[in-house]
């Protein structure tokens, strides 16, 4: 091929190597611009960008051409025997405008990318704030519901056993203190949720005067797994209100937790009235707690969870939670397995 319309000819390889070097240099300068100038490009006004980058664009364009000419002493063909400054002047005269166009095109592209990233960050933050607001609303719905039902238990005990009622009030005070201490925390280790549930079970044990046996059995590996705060309380409450409380004689309720193949499995088991035998009114009341649980799980995990209620042939009801297995950044050294009564006695 003929070079710049002169009588000198050059091979395609000789032609492509300088072009590859040309774009390699611009790639390096663009990377440096993105690395060092990104914060300024993101927040700067158009006026400040013009004030800063007009001189920078000229310096970078001249510097790129100076490096390129230094690496290609054989080009141009007609001036290869001239000095370095003669050859640099020749290329600056013909290529400076092209270099400026490349620089400003790159800068505008970076500006568009950073503007889009900022928009997506604001959109993501807004969606996260909405989710947090929905979770707070669900917790505000859950706390009065739990408090109202527990106070009913205290009211019934005050007519028959003032000492037991006083003990329940102390336990209720501890539960409320735990709830307030958690503040806006949405995910907590399962061991903390178990501590909270133990207080609730102690209240119910006092209310039912030893006719209900309960146990909590959590594998050591599951104790530090993260769960939504107060996710078990409405499930356990439903087990008492709609199952255990309807049982004549002794009954049981159990809470089990295991990890398996990247999932946390929690099962709340109770004897009593089966799902099929519950009235429409009882089912409607049960939906308050269950619907709250389902909504919170959906907000936390989307479709990456499972929550189901099922009944065995003997009428035992199981509420099963399958959650993604997550751990806090700093694990606590806890390997305690909680057990009350004997889990094997109720299986």
C-alpha atoms as a PDB file:
ATOM      1  CA  UNK A   1       0.000   0.000   0.000  1.00  0.00           C
ATOM      2  CA  UNK A   2       1.094   3.592  -0.639  1.00  0.00           C
ATOM      3  CA  UNK A   3       1.843   5.716   2.442  1.00  0.00           C
ATOM      4  CA  UNK A   4       0.134   9.144   2.524  1.00  0.00           C
ATOM      5  CA  UNK A   5      -0.020   9.245  -1.278  1.00  0.00           C
ATOM      6  CA  UNK A   6       3.769   9.249  -1.652  1.00  0.00           C
ATOM      7  CA  UNK A   7       5.925   6.861  -3.667  1.00  0.00           C
ATOM      8  CA  UNK A   8       6.839   4.959  -0.473  1.00  0.00           C
ATOM      9  CA  UNK A   9       5.145   1.627   0.027  1.00  0.00           C
ATOM     10  CA  UNK A  10       4.744  -0.368   3.228  1.00  0.00           C
ATOM     11  CA  UNK A  11       3.340  -3.755   4.191  1.00  0.00           C
ATOM     12  CA  UNK A  12       0.091  -4.161   6.116  1.00  0.00           C
ATOM     13  CA  UNK A  13       2.045  -5.484   9.104  1.00  0.00           C
ATOM     14  CA  UNK A  14       4.177  -2.355   9.153  1.00  0.00           C
ATOM     15  CA  UNK A  15       0.985  -0.335   8.973  1.00  0.00           C
ATOM     16  CA  UNK A  16      -0.917  -2.225  11.730  1.00  0.00           C
ATOM     17  CA  UNK A  17       1.827  -2.220  14.363  1.00  0.00           C
ATOM     18  CA  UNK A  18       1.887   1.596  14.739  1.00  0.00           C
ATOM     19  CA  UNK A  19      -1.923   1.676  14.892  1.00  0.00           C
ATOM     20  CA  UNK A  20      -1.974  -1.000  17.600  1.00  0.00           C
ATOM     21  CA  UNK A  21       0.620   0.967  19.568  1.00  0.00           C
ATOM     22  CA  UNK A  22      -1.471   4.099  19.080  1.00  0.00           C
ATOM     23  CA  UNK A  23      -4.595   2.537  20.628  1.00  0.00           C
ATOM     24  CA  UNK A  24      -2.585   0.784  23.339  1.00  0.00           C
ATOM     25  CA  UNK A  25      -1.284   4.143  24.498  1.00  0.00           C
ATOM     26  CA  UNK A  26      -4.780   5.594  24.502  1.00  0.00           C
ATOM     27  CA  UNK A  27      -5.992   2.582  26.462  1.00  0.00           C
ATOM     28  CA  UNK A  28      -3.342   3.228  29.103  1.00  0.00           C
ATOM     29  CA  UNK A  29      -4.156   6.938  29.305  1.00  0.00           C
ATOM     30  CA  UNK A  30      -7.879   6.149  29.519  1.00  0.00           C
ATOM     31  CA  UNK A  31      -7.275   3.702  32.383  1.00  0.00           C
ATOM     32  CA  UNK A  32      -5.261   6.318  34.268  1.00  0.00           C
ATOM     33  CA  UNK A  33      -8.007   8.883  33.657  1.00  0.00           C
ATOM     34  CA  UNK A  34     -10.649   6.475  34.999  1.00  0.00           C
ATOM     35  CA  UNK A  35      -8.515   5.517  37.983  1.00  0.00           C
ATOM     36  CA  UNK A  36      -7.425   8.988  39.063  1.00  0.00           C
ATOM     37  CA  UNK A  37     -10.145  11.266  37.700  1.00  0.00           C
ATOM     38  CA  UNK A  38     -13.309   9.236  38.293  1.00  0.00           C
ATOM     39  CA  UNK A  39     -14.365  10.921  41.577  1.00  0.00           C
ATOM     40  CA  UNK A  40     -13.915  14.380  40.052  1.00  0.00           C
ATOM     41  CA  UNK A  41     -15.637  13.478  36.767  1.00  0.00           C
ATOM     42  CA  UNK A  42     -18.573  12.054  38.728  1.00  0.00           C
ATOM     43  CA  UNK A  43     -19.328  15.101  40.862  1.00  0.00           C
ATOM     44  CA  UNK A  44     -17.892  18.030  38.838  1.00  0.00           C
ATOM     45  CA  UNK A  45     -20.033  20.527  36.957  1.00  0.00           C
ATOM     46  CA  UNK A  46     -19.690  21.064  33.205  1.00  0.00           C
ATOM     47  CA  UNK A  47     -17.889  24.363  33.823  1.00  0.00           C
ATOM     48  CA  UNK A  48     -15.285  22.834  36.117  1.00  0.00           C
ATOM     49  CA  UNK A  49     -14.742  19.918  33.733  1.00  0.00           C
ATOM     50  CA  UNK A  50     -14.024  22.321  30.887  1.00  0.00           C
ATOM     51  CA  UNK A  51     -11.729  24.427  33.069  1.00  0.00           C
ATOM     52  CA  UNK A  52      -9.669  21.448  34.208  1.00  0.00           C
ATOM     53  CA  UNK A  53      -9.698  19.104  31.236  1.00  0.00           C
ATOM     54  CA  UNK A  54      -9.087  21.486  28.323  1.00  0.00           C
ATOM     55  CA  UNK A  55      -5.414  21.932  29.328  1.00  0.00           C
ATOM     56  CA  UNK A  56      -5.175  18.294  30.420  1.00  0.00           C
ATOM     57  CA  UNK A  57      -6.488  17.121  27.053  1.00  0.00           C
ATOM     58  CA  UNK A  58      -3.818  19.123  25.215  1.00  0.00           C
ATOM     59  CA  UNK A  59      -1.018  17.818  27.464  1.00  0.00           C
ATOM     60  CA  UNK A  60      -2.201  14.186  27.169  1.00  0.00           C
ATOM     61  CA  UNK A  61      -2.612  14.438  23.389  1.00  0.00           C
ATOM     62  CA  UNK A  62       0.906  15.849  22.937  1.00  0.00           C
ATOM     63  CA  UNK A  63       2.368  13.311  25.391  1.00  0.00           C
ATOM     64  CA  UNK A  64       0.699  10.377  23.607  1.00  0.00           C
ATOM     65  CA  UNK A  65       2.032  11.562  20.254  1.00  0.00           C
ATOM     66  CA  UNK A  66       5.518  12.124  21.706  1.00  0.00           C
ATOM     67  CA  UNK A  67       5.668   8.569  23.069  1.00  0.00           C
ATOM     68  CA  UNK A  68       4.289   7.135  19.833  1.00  0.00           C
ATOM     69  CA  UNK A  69       6.848   8.954  17.650  1.00  0.00           C
ATOM     70  CA  UNK A  70       9.681   7.902  19.984  1.00  0.00           C
ATOM     71  CA  UNK A  71       8.634   4.237  19.602  1.00  0.00           C
ATOM     72  CA  UNK A  72       8.374   4.470  15.795  1.00  0.00           C
ATOM     73  CA  UNK A  73      11.681   5.987  14.486  1.00  0.00           C
ATOM     74  CA  UNK A  74      11.149   4.488  11.031  1.00  0.00           C
ATOM     75  CA  UNK A  75       7.941   6.474  10.461  1.00  0.00           C
ATOM     76  CA  UNK A  76       7.151   8.540   8.453  1.00  0.00           C
ATOM     77  CA  UNK A  77       9.025   7.070   5.529  1.00  0.00           C
ATOM     78  CA  UNK A  78       9.946  10.366   3.962  1.00  0.00           C
ATOM     79  CA  UNK A  79      11.198  11.862   7.234  1.00  0.00           C
ATOM     80  CA  UNK A  80      12.793   8.839   8.914  1.00  0.00           C
ATOM     81  CA  UNK A  81      16.199  10.443   8.599  1.00  0.00           C
ATOM     82  CA  UNK A  82      15.066  13.673  10.294  1.00  0.00           C
ATOM     83  CA  UNK A  83      15.422  14.499  13.980  1.00  0.00           C
ATOM     84  CA  UNK A  84      12.895  13.377  16.603  1.00  0.00           C
ATOM     85  CA  UNK A  85      11.533  16.935  16.968  1.00  0.00           C
ATOM     86  CA  UNK A  86      10.965  17.249  13.207  1.00  0.00           C
ATOM     87  CA  UNK A  87       9.005  14.000  13.166  1.00  0.00           C
ATOM     88  CA  UNK A  88       7.012  15.006  16.305  1.00  0.00           C
ATOM     89  CA  UNK A  89       6.143  18.357  14.745  1.00  0.00           C
ATOM     90  CA  UNK A  90       4.999  16.568  11.599  1.00  0.00           C
ATOM     91  CA  UNK A  91       2.596  14.301  13.519  1.00  0.00           C
ATOM     92  CA  UNK A  92       1.328  16.971  15.891  1.00  0.00           C
ATOM     93  CA  UNK A  93       0.383  19.028  12.869  1.00  0.00           C
ATOM     94  CA  UNK A  94      -1.666  16.168  11.414  1.00  0.00           C
ATOM     95  CA  UNK A  95      -2.849  14.170  14.454  1.00  0.00           C
ATOM     96  CA  UNK A  96      -3.363  16.593  17.348  1.00  0.00           C
ATOM     97  CA  UNK A  97      -7.010  17.241  16.475  1.00  0.00           C
ATOM     98  CA  UNK A  98      -7.693  13.498  16.243  1.00  0.00           C
ATOM     99  CA  UNK A  99      -6.110  12.981  19.652  1.00  0.00           C
ATOM    100  CA  UNK A 100      -8.245  15.708  21.197  1.00  0.00           C
ATOM    101  CA  UNK A 101     -11.381  14.093  19.751  1.00  0.00           C
ATOM    102  CA  UNK A 102     -10.369  10.722  21.233  1.00  0.00           C
ATOM    103  CA  UNK A 103      -9.702  12.297  24.645  1.00  0.00           C
ATOM    104  CA  UNK A 104     -13.011  14.165  24.832  1.00  0.00           C
ATOM    105  CA  UNK A 105     -14.995  11.228  23.494  1.00  0.00           C
ATOM    106  CA  UNK A 106     -13.496   9.066  26.227  1.00  0.00           C
ATOM    107  CA  UNK A 107     -14.213  11.718  28.861  1.00  0.00           C
ATOM    108  CA  UNK A 108     -17.853  12.061  27.766  1.00  0.00           C
ATOM    109  CA  UNK A 109     -18.247   8.282  27.828  1.00  0.00           C
ATOM    110  CA  UNK A 110     -16.890   8.157  31.376  1.00  0.00           C
ATOM    111  CA  UNK A 111     -19.269  10.942  32.391  1.00  0.00           C
ATOM    112  CA  UNK A 112     -22.271   9.030  30.999  1.00  0.00           C
ATOM    113  CA  UNK A 113     -21.215   5.782  32.706  1.00  0.00           C
ATOM    114  CA  UNK A 114     -20.708   7.487  36.081  1.00  0.00           C
ATOM    115  CA  UNK A 115     -24.018   9.336  35.796  1.00  0.00           C
ATOM    116  CA  UNK A 116     -25.803   6.058  35.085  1.00  0.00           C
ATOM    117  CA  UNK A 117     -24.056   4.390  38.026  1.00  0.00           C
ATOM    118  CA  UNK A 118     -25.151   7.210  40.328  1.00  0.00           C
ATOM    119  CA  UNK A 119     -28.721   6.839  39.103  1.00  0.00           C
ATOM    120  CA  UNK A 120     -28.692   3.089  39.785  1.00  0.00           C
ATOM    121  CA  UNK A 121     -27.159   3.632  43.224  1.00  0.00           C
ATOM    122  CA  UNK A 122     -29.898   6.130  44.122  1.00  0.00           C
ATOM    123  CA  UNK A 123     -32.523   3.755  42.750  1.00  0.00           C
ATOM    124  CA  UNK A 124     -31.088   0.864  44.764  1.00  0.00           C
ATOM    125  CA  UNK A 125     -30.903   2.989  47.925  1.00  0.00           C
ATOM    126  CA  UNK A 126     -34.524   4.061  47.475  1.00  0.00           C
ATOM    127  CA  UNK A 127     -35.628   0.443  47.031  1.00  0.00           C
ATOM    128  CA  UNK A 128     -33.654  -0.579  50.122  1.00  0.00           C
ATOM    129  CA  UNK A 129     -35.222   2.227  52.155  1.00  0.00           C
ATOM    130  CA  UNK A 130     -38.676   1.122  50.997  1.00  0.00           C
ATOM    131  CA  UNK A 131     -37.933  -2.462  52.022  1.00  0.00           C
ATOM    132  CA  UNK A 132     -36.672  -1.326  55.422  1.00  0.00           C
ATOM    133  CA  UNK A 133     -39.820   0.764  55.887  1.00  0.00           C
ATOM    134  CA  UNK A 134     -41.991  -2.233  55.040  1.00  0.00           C
ATOM    135  CA  UNK A 135     -40.065  -4.428  57.459  1.00  0.00           C
ATOM    136  CA  UNK A 136     -40.414  -1.828  60.208  1.00  0.00           C
ATOM    137  CA  UNK A 137     -44.159  -1.642  59.548  1.00  0.00           C
ATOM    138  CA  UNK A 138     -44.461  -5.420  59.813  1.00  0.00           C
ATOM    139  CA  UNK A 139     -42.559  -5.416  63.102  1.00  0.00           C
ATOM    140  CA  UNK A 140     -44.767  -2.628  64.423  1.00  0.00           C
ATOM    141  CA  UNK A 141     -47.752  -4.793  63.518  1.00  0.00           C
ATOM    142  CA  UNK A 142     -46.223  -7.847  65.192  1.00  0.00           C
ATOM    143  CA  UNK A 143     -45.146  -6.283  68.497  1.00  0.00           C
ATOM    144  CA  UNK A 144     -48.599  -5.023  69.629  1.00  0.00           C
ATOM    145  CA  UNK A 145     -50.153  -8.328  68.526  1.00  0.00           C
ATOM    146  CA  UNK A 146     -47.679 -10.288  70.644  1.00  0.00           C
ATOM    147  CA  UNK A 147     -48.018  -7.899  73.597  1.00  0.00           C
ATOM    148  CA  UNK A 148     -51.829  -8.031  73.523  1.00  0.00           C
ATOM    149  CA  UNK A 149     -51.908 -11.833  73.545  1.00  0.00           C
ATOM    150  CA  UNK A 150     -49.346 -12.070  76.354  1.00  0.00           C
ATOM    151  CA  UNK A 151     -51.208  -9.549  78.483  1.00  0.00           C
ATOM    152  CA  UNK A 152     -54.335 -11.683  78.073  1.00  0.00           C
ATOM    153  CA  UNK A 153     -52.361 -14.564  79.584  1.00  0.00           C
ATOM    154  CA  UNK A 154     -51.344 -12.365  82.519  1.00  0.00           C
ATOM    155  CA  UNK A 155     -54.955 -11.240  82.988  1.00  0.00           C
ATOM    156  CA  UNK A 156     -56.200 -14.814  83.217  1.00  0.00           C
ATOM    157  CA  UNK A 157     -53.453 -15.749  85.713  1.00  0.00           C
ATOM    158  CA  UNK A 158     -54.189 -12.791  87.998  1.00  0.00           C
ATOM    159  CA  UNK A 159     -57.569 -14.291  88.853  1.00  0.00           C
ATOM    160  CA  UNK A 160     -56.061 -17.585  89.989  1.00  0.00           C
ATOM    161  CA  UNK A 161     -52.368 -17.154  90.858  1.00  0.00           C
ATOM    162  CA  UNK A 162     -50.949 -13.717  91.617  1.00  0.00           C
ATOM    163  CA  UNK A 163     -47.431 -15.051  92.133  1.00  0.00           C
ATOM    164  CA  UNK A 164     -47.450 -16.716  88.703  1.00  0.00           C
ATOM    165  CA  UNK A 165     -48.852 -13.547  87.139  1.00  0.00           C
ATOM    166  CA  UNK A 166     -46.017 -11.523  88.694  1.00  0.00           C
ATOM    167  CA  UNK A 167     -43.469 -13.990  87.328  1.00  0.00           C
ATOM    168  CA  UNK A 168     -44.982 -13.730  83.841  1.00  0.00           C
ATOM    169  CA  UNK A 169     -44.823  -9.926  84.015  1.00  0.00           C
ATOM    170  CA  UNK A 170     -41.103 -10.119  84.820  1.00  0.00           C
ATOM    171  CA  UNK A 171     -40.542 -12.458  81.883  1.00  0.00           C
ATOM    172  CA  UNK A 172     -42.580 -10.194  79.634  1.00  0.00           C
ATOM    173  CA  UNK A 173     -40.467  -7.237  80.763  1.00  0.00           C
ATOM    174  CA  UNK A 174     -37.314  -9.137  79.773  1.00  0.00           C
ATOM    175  CA  UNK A 175     -38.781  -9.887  76.349  1.00  0.00           C
ATOM    176  CA  UNK A 176     -39.687  -6.246  75.757  1.00  0.00           C
ATOM    177  CA  UNK A 177     -36.203  -5.180  76.844  1.00  0.00           C
ATOM    178  CA  UNK A 178     -34.681  -7.557  74.290  1.00  0.00           C
ATOM    179  CA  UNK A 179     -37.005  -6.199  71.606  1.00  0.00           C
ATOM    180  CA  UNK A 180     -36.042  -2.590  72.379  1.00  0.00           C
ATOM    181  CA  UNK A 181     -32.318  -3.405  72.524  1.00  0.00           C
ATOM    182  CA  UNK A 182     -32.460  -4.832  69.018  1.00  0.00           C
ATOM    183  CA  UNK A 183     -33.672  -1.515  67.646  1.00  0.00           C
ATOM    184  CA  UNK A 184     -33.746  -1.527  63.839  1.00  0.00           C
ATOM    185  CA  UNK A 185     -31.745  -4.742  63.560  1.00  0.00           C
ATOM    186  CA  UNK A 186     -33.473  -7.003  61.034  1.00  0.00           C
ATOM    187  CA  UNK A 187     -31.254 -10.101  61.030  1.00  0.00           C
ATOM    188  CA  UNK A 188     -29.922 -11.720  64.196  1.00  0.00           C
ATOM    189  CA  UNK A 189     -28.162 -15.011  65.037  1.00  0.00           C
ATOM    190  CA  UNK A 190     -30.542 -17.896  65.650  1.00  0.00           C
ATOM    191  CA  UNK A 191     -29.128 -18.289  69.175  1.00  0.00           C
ATOM    192  CA  UNK A 192     -30.504 -14.817  70.061  1.00  0.00           C
ATOM    193  CA  UNK A 193     -33.888 -15.696  68.615  1.00  0.00           C
ATOM    194  CA  UNK A 194     -33.831 -18.895  70.672  1.00  0.00           C
ATOM    195  CA  UNK A 195     -33.114 -16.892  73.855  1.00  0.00           C
ATOM    196  CA  UNK A 196     -36.164 -14.771  73.097  1.00  0.00           C
ATOM    197  CA  UNK A 197     -38.346 -17.816  72.396  1.00  0.00           C
ATOM    198  CA  UNK A 198     -37.252 -19.459  75.650  1.00  0.00           C
ATOM    199  CA  UNK A 199     -38.735 -16.550  77.577  1.00  0.00           C
ATOM    200  CA  UNK A 200     -41.971 -16.899  75.631  1.00  0.00           C
ATOM    201  CA  UNK A 201     -42.026 -20.657  76.298  1.00  0.00           C
ATOM    202  CA  UNK A 202     -41.444 -19.992  79.992  1.00  0.00           C
ATOM    203  CA  UNK A 203     -44.475 -17.676  80.036  1.00  0.00           C
ATOM    204  CA  UNK A 204     -46.638 -20.302  78.373  1.00  0.00           C
ATOM    205  CA  UNK A 205     -45.330 -23.010  80.709  1.00  0.00           C
ATOM    206  CA  UNK A 206     -46.472 -20.938  83.683  1.00  0.00           C
ATOM    207  CA  UNK A 207     -49.841 -20.325  82.082  1.00  0.00           C
ATOM    208  CA  UNK A 208     -50.515 -23.980  81.250  1.00  0.00           C
ATOM    209  CA  UNK A 209     -49.173 -25.157  84.634  1.00  0.00           C
ATOM    210  CA  UNK A 210     -46.958 -27.974  83.418  1.00  0.00           C
ATOM    211  CA  UNK A 211     -49.442 -29.615  81.069  1.00  0.00           C
ATOM    212  CA  UNK A 212     -47.369 -28.616  78.044  1.00  0.00           C
ATOM    213  CA  UNK A 213     -43.920 -30.097  77.464  1.00  0.00           C
ATOM    214  CA  UNK A 214     -41.575 -28.229  75.227  1.00  0.00           C
ATOM    215  CA  UNK A 215     -38.083 -28.597  73.895  1.00  0.00           C
ATOM    216  CA  UNK A 216     -35.657 -26.602  71.758  1.00  0.00           C
ATOM    217  CA  UNK A 217     -32.983 -28.572  69.906  1.00  0.00           C
ATOM    218  CA  UNK A 218     -30.623 -26.605  67.653  1.00  0.00           C
ATOM    219  CA  UNK A 219     -27.550 -28.048  66.006  1.00  0.00           C
ATOM    220  CA  UNK A 220     -24.359 -26.179  67.021  1.00  0.00           C
ATOM    221  CA  UNK A 221     -23.688 -25.257  63.367  1.00  0.00           C
ATOM    222  CA  UNK A 222     -27.083 -23.556  63.165  1.00  0.00           C
ATOM    223  CA  UNK A 223     -26.824 -21.395  66.277  1.00  0.00           C
ATOM    224  CA  UNK A 224     -24.922 -18.561  64.556  1.00  0.00           C
ATOM    225  CA  UNK A 225     -26.995 -18.618  61.370  1.00  0.00           C
ATOM    226  CA  UNK A 226     -28.828 -15.356  60.698  1.00  0.00           C
ATOM    227  CA  UNK A 227     -32.630 -15.235  60.823  1.00  0.00           C
ATOM    228  CA  UNK A 228     -35.127 -12.349  60.724  1.00  0.00           C
ATOM    229  CA  UNK A 229     -35.743 -11.024  64.205  1.00  0.00           C
ATOM    230  CA  UNK A 230     -38.918 -12.305  65.912  1.00  0.00           C
ATOM    231  CA  UNK A 231     -39.584 -14.682  63.038  1.00  0.00           C
ATOM    232  CA  UNK A 232     -40.308 -17.649  65.318  1.00  0.00           C
ATOM    233  CA  UNK A 233     -42.501 -15.966  67.919  1.00  0.00           C
ATOM    234  CA  UNK A 234     -45.690 -15.726  65.799  1.00  0.00           C
ATOM    235  CA  UNK A 235     -45.204 -19.323  64.625  1.00  0.00           C
ATOM    236  CA  UNK A 236     -44.792 -20.594  68.189  1.00  0.00           C
ATOM    237  CA  UNK A 237     -47.725 -18.438  69.308  1.00  0.00           C
ATOM    238  CA  UNK A 238     -49.958 -19.947  66.634  1.00  0.00           C
ATOM    239  CA  UNK A 239     -48.876 -23.408  67.754  1.00  0.00           C
ATOM    240  CA  UNK A 240     -50.016 -22.607  71.296  1.00  0.00           C
ATOM    241  CA  UNK A 241     -53.195 -20.706  70.524  1.00  0.00           C
ATOM    242  CA  UNK A 242     -54.547 -22.914  67.744  1.00  0.00           C
ATOM    243  CA  UNK A 243     -53.048 -26.268  68.711  1.00  0.00           C
ATOM    244  CA  UNK A 244     -51.783 -26.766  72.241  1.00  0.00           C
ATOM    245  CA  UNK A 245     -54.518 -24.682  73.902  1.00  0.00           C
ATOM    246  CA  UNK A 246     -57.161 -26.849  72.242  1.00  0.00           C
ATOM    247  CA  UNK A 247     -55.646 -30.092  73.538  1.00  0.00           C
ATOM    248  CA  UNK A 248     -57.294 -31.945  76.419  1.00  0.00           C
ATOM    249  CA  UNK A 249     -54.579 -33.159  78.775  1.00  0.00           C
ATOM    250  CA  UNK A 250     -50.876 -33.012  78.098  1.00  0.00           C
ATOM    251  CA  UNK A 251     -49.423 -31.616  74.868  1.00  0.00           C
ATOM    252  CA  UNK A 252     -46.029 -30.799  73.466  1.00  0.00           C
ATOM    253  CA  UNK A 253     -44.317 -28.227  71.307  1.00  0.00           C
ATOM    254  CA  UNK A 254     -40.825 -28.504  69.881  1.00  0.00           C
ATOM    255  CA  UNK A 255     -38.418 -26.290  67.956  1.00  0.00           C
ATOM    256  CA  UNK A 256     -35.659 -27.869  65.889  1.00  0.00           C
ATOM    257  CA  UNK A 257     -32.902 -26.317  63.796  1.00  0.00           C
ATOM    258  CA  UNK A 258     -30.412 -27.907  61.409  1.00  0.00           C
ATOM    259  CA  UNK A 259     -28.184 -26.880  58.531  1.00  0.00           C
ATOM    260  CA  UNK A 260     -28.199 -28.855  55.301  1.00  0.00           C
ATOM    261  CA  UNK A 261     -26.670 -28.133  51.886  1.00  0.00           C
ATOM    262  CA  UNK A 262     -26.422 -24.381  52.323  1.00  0.00           C
ATOM    263  CA  UNK A 263     -29.832 -24.009  53.959  1.00  0.00           C
ATOM    264  CA  UNK A 264     -31.098 -23.468  57.485  1.00  0.00           C
ATOM    265  CA  UNK A 265     -34.070 -25.682  58.348  1.00  0.00           C
ATOM    266  CA  UNK A 266     -36.237 -24.719  61.302  1.00  0.00           C
ATOM    267  CA  UNK A 267     -39.221 -26.835  62.292  1.00  0.00           C
ATOM    268  CA  UNK A 268     -41.840 -25.939  64.912  1.00  0.00           C
ATOM    269  CA  UNK A 269     -43.810 -29.050  65.877  1.00  0.00           C
ATOM    270  CA  UNK A 270     -46.877 -29.200  68.081  1.00  0.00           C
ATOM    271  CA  UNK A 271     -49.607 -31.612  69.076  1.00  0.00           C
ATOM    272  CA  UNK A 272     -53.225 -30.582  69.307  1.00  0.00           C
ATOM    273  CA  UNK A 273     -55.926 -29.790  66.839  1.00  0.00           C
ATOM    274  CA  UNK A 274     -54.879 -30.539  63.276  1.00  0.00           C
ATOM    275  CA  UNK A 275     -55.126 -28.056  60.432  1.00  0.00           C
ATOM    276  CA  UNK A 276     -58.164 -29.783  58.943  1.00  0.00           C
ATOM    277  CA  UNK A 277     -60.110 -29.524  62.226  1.00  0.00           C
ATOM    278  CA  UNK A 278     -59.622 -25.810  62.772  1.00  0.00           C
ATOM    279  CA  UNK A 279     -62.617 -23.578  62.264  1.00  0.00           C
ATOM    280  CA  UNK A 280     -62.780 -20.770  59.720  1.00  0.00           C
ATOM    281  CA  UNK A 281     -62.539 -18.207  62.553  1.00  0.00           C
ATOM    282  CA  UNK A 282     -59.407 -19.852  63.951  1.00  0.00           C
ATOM    283  CA  UNK A 283     -57.836 -19.990  60.501  1.00  0.00           C
ATOM    284  CA  UNK A 284     -58.546 -16.284  59.990  1.00  0.00           C
ATOM    285  CA  UNK A 285     -56.884 -15.423  63.311  1.00  0.00           C
ATOM    286  CA  UNK A 286     -53.932 -17.603  62.457  1.00  0.00           C
ATOM    287  CA  UNK A 287     -53.415 -15.671  59.236  1.00  0.00           C
ATOM    288  CA  UNK A 288     -52.365 -12.549  61.186  1.00  0.00           C
ATOM    289  CA  UNK A 289     -49.151 -14.141  62.391  1.00  0.00           C
ATOM    290  CA  UNK A 290     -48.571 -16.420  59.407  1.00  0.00           C
ATOM    291  CA  UNK A 291     -49.163 -13.638  56.863  1.00  0.00           C
ATOM    292  CA  UNK A 292     -46.705 -11.454  58.753  1.00  0.00           C
ATOM    293  CA  UNK A 293     -44.087 -14.214  58.638  1.00  0.00           C
ATOM    294  CA  UNK A 294     -44.641 -14.814  54.921  1.00  0.00           C
ATOM    295  CA  UNK A 295     -44.398 -11.107  54.094  1.00  0.00           C
ATOM    296  CA  UNK A 296     -41.186 -10.620  56.041  1.00  0.00           C
ATOM    297  CA  UNK A 297     -39.567 -13.701  54.530  1.00  0.00           C
ATOM    298  CA  UNK A 298     -40.469 -12.478  51.048  1.00  0.00           C
ATOM    299  CA  UNK A 299     -38.907  -9.086  51.719  1.00  0.00           C
ATOM    300  CA  UNK A 300     -35.738 -10.620  53.149  1.00  0.00           C
ATOM    301  CA  UNK A 301     -35.169 -13.515  50.770  1.00  0.00           C
ATOM    302  CA  UNK A 302     -37.457 -13.144  47.765  1.00  0.00           C
ATOM    303  CA  UNK A 303     -38.071 -16.597  46.332  1.00  0.00           C
ATOM    304  CA  UNK A 304     -34.974 -18.092  47.974  1.00  0.00           C
ATOM    305  CA  UNK A 305     -36.945 -19.477  50.924  1.00  0.00           C
ATOM    306  CA  UNK A 306     -39.738 -21.908  51.764  1.00  0.00           C
ATOM    307  CA  UNK A 307     -42.369 -21.736  54.494  1.00  0.00           C
ATOM    308  CA  UNK A 308     -45.051 -24.382  54.812  1.00  0.00           C
ATOM    309  CA  UNK A 309     -47.534 -25.756  57.303  1.00  0.00           C
ATOM    310  CA  UNK A 310     -48.269 -29.441  57.164  1.00  0.00           C
ATOM    311  CA  UNK A 311     -50.046 -32.048  59.265  1.00  0.00           C
ATOM    312  CA  UNK A 312     -49.043 -35.629  60.055  1.00  0.00           C
ATOM    313  CA  UNK A 313     -51.469 -38.526  60.163  1.00  0.00           C
ATOM    314  CA  UNK A 314     -51.717 -38.322  63.989  1.00  0.00           C
ATOM    315  CA  UNK A 315     -52.702 -34.637  63.908  1.00  0.00           C
ATOM    316  CA  UNK A 316     -49.254 -33.223  64.710  1.00  0.00           C
ATOM    317  CA  UNK A 317     -48.731 -29.910  62.924  1.00  0.00           C
ATOM    318  CA  UNK A 318     -45.342 -28.788  61.617  1.00  0.00           C
ATOM    319  CA  UNK A 319     -44.322 -25.312  60.508  1.00  0.00           C
ATOM    320  CA  UNK A 320     -41.170 -25.675  58.409  1.00  0.00           C
ATOM    321  CA  UNK A 321     -38.824 -22.855  57.427  1.00  0.00           C
ATOM    322  CA  UNK A 322     -36.079 -23.284  54.832  1.00  0.00           C
ATOM    323  CA  UNK A 323     -33.823 -20.212  54.667  1.00  0.00           C
ATOM    324  CA  UNK A 324     -30.543 -19.421  52.905  1.00  0.00           C
ATOM    325  CA  UNK A 325     -27.689 -20.178  55.285  1.00  0.00           C
ATOM    326  CA  UNK A 326     -26.035 -16.889  56.244  1.00  0.00           C
ATOM    327  CA  UNK A 327     -23.616 -16.045  59.028  1.00  0.00           C
ATOM    328  CA  UNK A 328     -22.598 -12.712  60.603  1.00  0.00           C
ATOM    329  CA  UNK A 329     -19.218 -11.248  59.723  1.00  0.00           C
ATOM    330  CA  UNK A 330     -17.795 -12.147  63.116  1.00  0.00           C
ATOM    331  CA  UNK A 331     -18.925 -15.513  64.450  1.00  0.00           C
ATOM    332  CA  UNK A 332     -19.332 -16.007  68.174  1.00  0.00           C
ATOM    333  CA  UNK A 333     -17.867 -19.076  69.802  1.00  0.00           C
ATOM    334  CA  UNK A 334     -21.104 -20.743  70.790  1.00  0.00           C
ATOM    335  CA  UNK A 335     -21.758 -24.433  70.458  1.00  0.00           C
ATOM    336  CA  UNK A 336     -24.490 -24.932  73.054  1.00  0.00           C
ATOM    337  CA  UNK A 337     -27.372 -27.211  72.233  1.00  0.00           C
ATOM    338  CA  UNK A 338     -30.563 -26.332  74.067  1.00  0.00           C
ATOM    339  CA  UNK A 339     -32.762 -29.199  75.240  1.00  0.00           C
ATOM    340  CA  UNK A 340     -35.759 -29.204  77.543  1.00  0.00           C
ATOM    341  CA  UNK A 341     -37.408 -32.456  78.545  1.00  0.00           C
ATOM    342  CA  UNK A 342     -36.374 -35.118  76.057  1.00  0.00           C
ATOM    343  CA  UNK A 343     -36.972 -34.482  72.361  1.00  0.00           C
ATOM    344  CA  UNK A 344     -37.164 -38.204  71.765  1.00  0.00           C
ATOM    345  CA  UNK A 345     -40.176 -38.517  74.033  1.00  0.00           C
ATOM    346  CA  UNK A 346     -42.331 -36.460  71.702  1.00  0.00           C
ATOM    347  CA  UNK A 347     -41.288 -37.760  68.318  1.00  0.00           C
END
